[in-house]
């Protein structure tokens, strides 16, 4: 049971990360193409933005 719960959490966590990356990318860049690229990269874009974007 615990293995199934961990797989479910990972599955939905990665999906949420991709959706979050796509929505943030579109809000910042106003480009569907970049949103798709960033959605495919998933959490890598979140880490990139955290490290290299100046707020």
PDB file of N, CA and C in Angstrom:
ATOM      1  N   UNK A   1       0.820  -1.199   0.000  1.00  0.00           N
ATOM      2  CA  UNK A   1       0.000   0.000   0.000  1.00  0.00           C
ATOM      3  C   UNK A   1       0.864   1.264   0.000  1.00  0.00           C
ATOM      4  N   UNK A   2       1.936   1.292   0.757  1.00  0.00           N
ATOM      5  CA  UNK A   2       2.781   2.485   0.831  1.00  0.00           C
ATOM      6  C   UNK A   2       3.465   2.762  -0.505  1.00  0.00           C
ATOM      7  N   UNK A   3       3.856   1.710  -1.221  1.00  0.00           N
ATOM      8  CA  UNK A   3       4.504   1.900  -2.515  1.00  0.00           C
ATOM      9  C   UNK A   3       3.537   2.550  -3.496  1.00  0.00           C
ATOM     10  N   UNK A   4       2.293   2.100  -3.505  1.00  0.00           N
ATOM     11  CA  UNK A   4       1.285   2.684  -4.392  1.00  0.00           C
ATOM     12  C   UNK A   4       1.054   4.148  -4.043  1.00  0.00           C
ATOM     13  N   UNK A   5       0.991   4.481  -2.771  1.00  0.00           N
ATOM     14  CA  UNK A   5       0.779   5.875  -2.355  1.00  0.00           C
ATOM     15  C   UNK A   5       1.944   6.745  -2.810  1.00  0.00           C
ATOM     16  N   UNK A   6       3.172   6.253  -2.675  1.00  0.00           N
ATOM     17  CA  UNK A   6       4.333   7.034  -3.105  1.00  0.00           C
ATOM     18  C   UNK A   6       4.332   7.239  -4.614  1.00  0.00           C
ATOM     19  N   UNK A   7       3.969   6.218  -5.381  1.00  0.00           N
ATOM     20  CA  UNK A   7       3.911   6.355  -6.831  1.00  0.00           C
ATOM     21  C   UNK A   7       2.844   7.360  -7.234  1.00  0.00           C
ATOM     22  N   UNK A   8       1.712   7.360  -6.544  1.00  0.00           N
ATOM     23  CA  UNK A   8       0.637   8.306  -6.839  1.00  0.00           C
ATOM     24  C   UNK A   8       1.066   9.728  -6.537  1.00  0.00           C
ATOM     25  N   UNK A   9       1.730   9.936  -5.417  1.00  0.00           N
ATOM     26  CA  UNK A   9       2.196  11.274  -5.050  1.00  0.00           C
ATOM     27  C   UNK A   9       3.207  11.772  -6.071  1.00  0.00           C
ATOM     28  N   UNK A  10       4.132  10.930  -6.475  1.00  0.00           N
ATOM     29  CA  UNK A  10       5.134  11.330  -7.476  1.00  0.00           C
ATOM     30  C   UNK A  10       4.453  11.650  -8.803  1.00  0.00           C
ATOM     31  N   UNK A  11       3.510  10.821  -9.216  1.00  0.00           N
ATOM     32  CA  UNK A  11       2.818  11.026 -10.490  1.00  0.00           C
ATOM     33  C   UNK A  11       2.103  12.376 -10.514  1.00  0.00           C
ATOM     34  N   UNK A  12       1.312  12.666  -9.479  1.00  0.00           N
ATOM     35  CA  UNK A  12       0.566  13.922  -9.466  1.00  0.00           C
ATOM     36  C   UNK A  12       1.470  15.113  -9.174  1.00  0.00           C
ATOM     37  N   UNK A  13       2.538  14.923  -8.424  1.00  0.00           N
ATOM     38  CA  UNK A  13       3.483  16.004  -8.159  1.00  0.00           C
ATOM     39  C   UNK A  13       4.179  16.464  -9.416  1.00  0.00           C
ATOM     40  N   UNK A  14       4.593  15.528 -10.251  1.00  0.00           N
ATOM     41  CA  UNK A  14       5.254  15.877 -11.509  1.00  0.00           C
ATOM     42  C   UNK A  14       4.257  16.565 -12.434  1.00  0.00           C
ATOM     43  N   UNK A  15       3.031  16.085 -12.487  1.00  0.00           N
ATOM     44  CA  UNK A  15       1.999  16.723 -13.311  1.00  0.00           C
ATOM     45  C   UNK A  15       1.701  18.138 -12.865  1.00  0.00           C
ATOM     46  N   UNK A  16       1.629  18.347 -11.561  1.00  0.00           N
ATOM     47  CA  UNK A  16       1.386  19.687 -11.033  1.00  0.00           C
ATOM     48  C   UNK A  16       2.562  20.607 -11.335  1.00  0.00           C
ATOM     49  N   UNK A  17       3.780  20.081 -11.214  1.00  0.00           N
ATOM     50  CA  UNK A  17       4.966  20.889 -11.514  1.00  0.00           C
ATOM     51  C   UNK A  17       4.996  21.336 -12.964  1.00  0.00           C
ATOM     52  N   UNK A  18       4.611  20.452 -13.865  1.00  0.00           N
ATOM     53  CA  UNK A  18       4.570  20.811 -15.284  1.00  0.00           C
ATOM     54  C   UNK A  18       3.501  21.858 -15.555  1.00  0.00           C
ATOM     55  N   UNK A  19       2.335  21.684 -14.948  1.00  0.00           N
ATOM     56  CA  UNK A  19       1.254  22.659 -15.122  1.00  0.00           C
ATOM     57  C   UNK A  19       1.655  24.014 -14.552  1.00  0.00           C
ATOM     58  N   UNK A  20       2.309  24.008 -13.422  1.00  0.00           N
ATOM     59  CA  UNK A  20       2.764  25.252 -12.808  1.00  0.00           C
ATOM     60  C   UNK A  20       3.806  25.936 -13.690  1.00  0.00           C
ATOM     61  N   UNK A  21       4.751  25.163 -14.214  1.00  0.00           N
ATOM     62  CA  UNK A  21       5.774  25.735 -15.089  1.00  0.00           C
ATOM     63  C   UNK A  21       5.148  26.339 -16.335  1.00  0.00           C
ATOM     64  N   UNK A  22       4.154  25.655 -16.900  1.00  0.00           N
ATOM     65  CA  UNK A  22       3.504  26.170 -18.107  1.00  0.00           C
ATOM     66  C   UNK A  22       2.743  27.459 -17.822  1.00  0.00           C
ATOM     67  N   UNK A  23       2.026  27.505 -16.720  1.00  0.00           N
ATOM     68  CA  UNK A  23       1.235  28.702 -16.432  1.00  0.00           C
ATOM     69  C   UNK A  23       2.127  29.894 -16.095  1.00  0.00           C
ATOM     70  N   UNK A  24       3.192  29.675 -15.347  1.00  0.00           N
ATOM     71  CA  UNK A  24       4.114  30.767 -15.023  1.00  0.00           C
ATOM     72  C   UNK A  24       4.827  31.238 -16.286  1.00  0.00           C
ATOM     73  N   UNK A  25       5.246  30.303 -17.112  1.00  0.00           N
ATOM     74  CA  UNK A  25       5.917  30.666 -18.361  1.00  0.00           C
ATOM     75  C   UNK A  25       5.011  31.497 -19.253  1.00  0.00           C
ATOM     76  N   UNK A  26       3.755  31.090 -19.393  1.00  0.00           N
ATOM     77  CA  UNK A  26       2.849  31.850 -20.249  1.00  0.00           C
ATOM     78  C   UNK A  26       2.575  33.231 -19.667  1.00  0.00           C
ATOM     79  N   UNK A  27       2.444  33.316 -18.344  1.00  0.00           N
ATOM     80  CA  UNK A  27       2.197  34.609 -17.705  1.00  0.00           C
ATOM     81  C   UNK A  27       3.376  35.562 -17.907  1.00  0.00           C
ATOM     82  N   UNK A  28       4.595  35.032 -17.860  1.00  0.00           N
ATOM     83  CA  UNK A  28       5.775  35.888 -18.012  1.00  0.00           C
ATOM     84  C   UNK A  28       6.102  36.203 -19.466  1.00  0.00           C
ATOM     85  N   UNK A  29       5.980  35.209 -20.347  1.00  0.00           N
ATOM     86  CA  UNK A  29       6.446  35.365 -21.726  1.00  0.00           C
ATOM     87  C   UNK A  29       5.342  35.610 -22.745  1.00  0.00           C
ATOM     88  N   UNK A  30       4.099  35.325 -22.391  1.00  0.00           N
ATOM     89  CA  UNK A  30       2.955  35.458 -23.319  1.00  0.00           C
ATOM     90  C   UNK A  30       3.185  34.659 -24.600  1.00  0.00           C
ATOM     91  N   UNK A  31       3.740  33.450 -24.455  1.00  0.00           N
ATOM     92  CA  UNK A  31       4.050  32.609 -25.606  1.00  0.00           C
ATOM     93  C   UNK A  31       3.639  31.168 -25.317  1.00  0.00           C
ATOM     94  N   UNK A  32       2.781  30.628 -26.174  1.00  0.00           N
ATOM     95  CA  UNK A  32       2.344  29.240 -26.007  1.00  0.00           C
ATOM     96  C   UNK A  32       3.511  28.286 -26.276  1.00  0.00           C
ATOM     97  N   UNK A  33       4.348  28.621 -27.232  1.00  0.00           N
ATOM     98  CA  UNK A  33       5.502  27.773 -27.547  1.00  0.00           C
ATOM     99  C   UNK A  33       6.441  27.598 -26.365  1.00  0.00           C
ATOM    100  N   UNK A  34       6.791  28.716 -25.711  1.00  0.00           N
ATOM    101  CA  UNK A  34       7.660  28.628 -24.546  1.00  0.00           C
ATOM    102  C   UNK A  34       6.959  27.902 -23.408  1.00  0.00           C
ATOM    103  N   UNK A  35       5.662  28.088 -23.272  1.00  0.00           N
ATOM    104  CA  UNK A  35       4.923  27.392 -22.215  1.00  0.00           C
ATOM    105  C   UNK A  35       4.986  25.881 -22.417  1.00  0.00           C
ATOM    106  N   UNK A  36       4.880  25.427 -23.665  1.00  0.00           N
ATOM    107  CA  UNK A  36       4.968  23.996 -23.950  1.00  0.00           C
ATOM    108  C   UNK A  36       6.372  23.477 -23.634  1.00  0.00           C
ATOM    109  N   UNK A  37       7.387  24.211 -24.056  1.00  0.00           N
ATOM    110  CA  UNK A  37       8.765  23.803 -23.771  1.00  0.00           C
ATOM    111  C   UNK A  37       8.993  23.710 -22.271  1.00  0.00           C
ATOM    112  N   UNK A  38       8.566  24.726 -21.544  1.00  0.00           N
ATOM    113  CA  UNK A  38       8.766  24.732 -20.100  1.00  0.00           C
ATOM    114  C   UNK A  38       7.921  23.662 -19.409  1.00  0.00           C
ATOM    115  N   UNK A  39       6.758  23.378 -19.943  1.00  0.00           N
ATOM    116  CA  UNK A  39       5.947  22.293 -19.393  1.00  0.00           C
ATOM    117  C   UNK A  39       6.614  20.946 -19.582  1.00  0.00           C
ATOM    118  N   UNK A  40       7.266  20.752 -20.716  1.00  0.00           N
ATOM    119  CA  UNK A  40       7.987  19.500 -20.950  1.00  0.00           C
ATOM    120  C   UNK A  40       9.195  19.378 -20.028  1.00  0.00           C
ATOM    121  N   UNK A  41       9.822  20.484 -19.732  1.00  0.00           N
ATOM    122  CA  UNK A  41      10.966  20.460 -18.829  1.00  0.00           C
ATOM    123  C   UNK A  41      10.548  20.301 -17.366  1.00  0.00           C
ATOM    124  N   UNK A  42       9.306  20.639 -17.063  1.00  0.00           N
ATOM    125  CA  UNK A  42       8.757  20.417 -15.720  1.00  0.00           C
ATOM    126  C   UNK A  42       9.515  21.138 -14.622  1.00  0.00           C
ATOM    127  N   UNK A  43       9.995  20.380 -13.674  1.00  0.00           N
ATOM    128  CA  UNK A  43      10.640  20.951 -12.494  1.00  0.00           C
ATOM    129  C   UNK A  43      11.984  21.588 -12.810  1.00  0.00           C
ATOM    130  N   UNK A  44      12.598  21.214 -13.915  1.00  0.00           N
ATOM    131  CA  UNK A  44      13.862  21.850 -14.280  1.00  0.00           C
ATOM    132  C   UNK A  44      13.675  23.351 -14.486  1.00  0.00           C
ATOM    133  N   UNK A  45      12.522  23.739 -15.048  1.00  0.00           N
ATOM    134  CA  UNK A  45      12.259  25.166 -15.240  1.00  0.00           C
ATOM    135  C   UNK A  45      12.042  25.876 -13.907  1.00  0.00           C
ATOM    136  N   UNK A  46      11.399  25.214 -12.981  1.00  0.00           N
ATOM    137  CA  UNK A  46      11.172  25.812 -11.659  1.00  0.00           C
ATOM    138  C   UNK A  46      12.513  26.081 -10.982  1.00  0.00           C
ATOM    139  N   UNK A  47      13.420  25.120 -11.041  1.00  0.00           N
ATOM    140  CA  UNK A  47      14.744  25.299 -10.443  1.00  0.00           C
ATOM    141  C   UNK A  47      15.515  26.392 -11.185  1.00  0.00           C
ATOM    142  N   UNK A  48      15.436  26.406 -12.520  1.00  0.00           N
ATOM    143  CA  UNK A  48      16.100  27.439 -13.307  1.00  0.00           C
ATOM    144  C   UNK A  48      15.603  28.837 -12.925  1.00  0.00           C
ATOM    145  N   UNK A  49      14.296  28.992 -12.842  1.00  0.00           N
ATOM    146  CA  UNK A  49      13.734  30.298 -12.490  1.00  0.00           C
ATOM    147  C   UNK A  49      14.166  30.716 -11.086  1.00  0.00           C
ATOM    148  N   UNK A  50      14.208  29.768 -10.179  1.00  0.00           N
ATOM    149  CA  UNK A  50      14.607  30.066  -8.812  1.00  0.00           C
ATOM    150  C   UNK A  50      16.066  30.517  -8.755  1.00  0.00           C
ATOM    151  N   UNK A  51      16.922  29.902  -9.574  1.00  0.00           N
ATOM    152  CA  UNK A  51      18.339  30.217  -9.544  1.00  0.00           C
ATOM    153  C   UNK A  51      18.718  31.462 -10.342  1.00  0.00           C
ATOM    154  N   UNK A  52      18.077  31.671 -11.496  1.00  0.00           N
ATOM    155  CA  UNK A  52      18.576  32.675 -12.431  1.00  0.00           C
ATOM    156  C   UNK A  52      17.675  33.868 -12.687  1.00  0.00           C
ATOM    157  N   UNK A  53      16.430  33.822 -12.290  1.00  0.00           N
ATOM    158  CA  UNK A  53      15.530  34.953 -12.524  1.00  0.00           C
ATOM    159  C   UNK A  53      15.703  35.978 -11.406  1.00  0.00           C
ATOM    160  N   UNK A  54      15.831  37.233 -11.776  1.00  0.00           N
ATOM    161  CA  UNK A  54      15.939  38.314 -10.789  1.00  0.00           C
ATOM    162  C   UNK A  54      14.537  38.831 -10.477  1.00  0.00           C
ATOM    163  N   UNK A  55      14.200  38.868  -9.226  1.00  0.00           N
ATOM    164  CA  UNK A  55      12.873  39.351  -8.824  1.00  0.00           C
ATOM    165  C   UNK A  55      12.954  40.717  -8.221  1.00  0.00           C
TER     166      UNK A  55
END
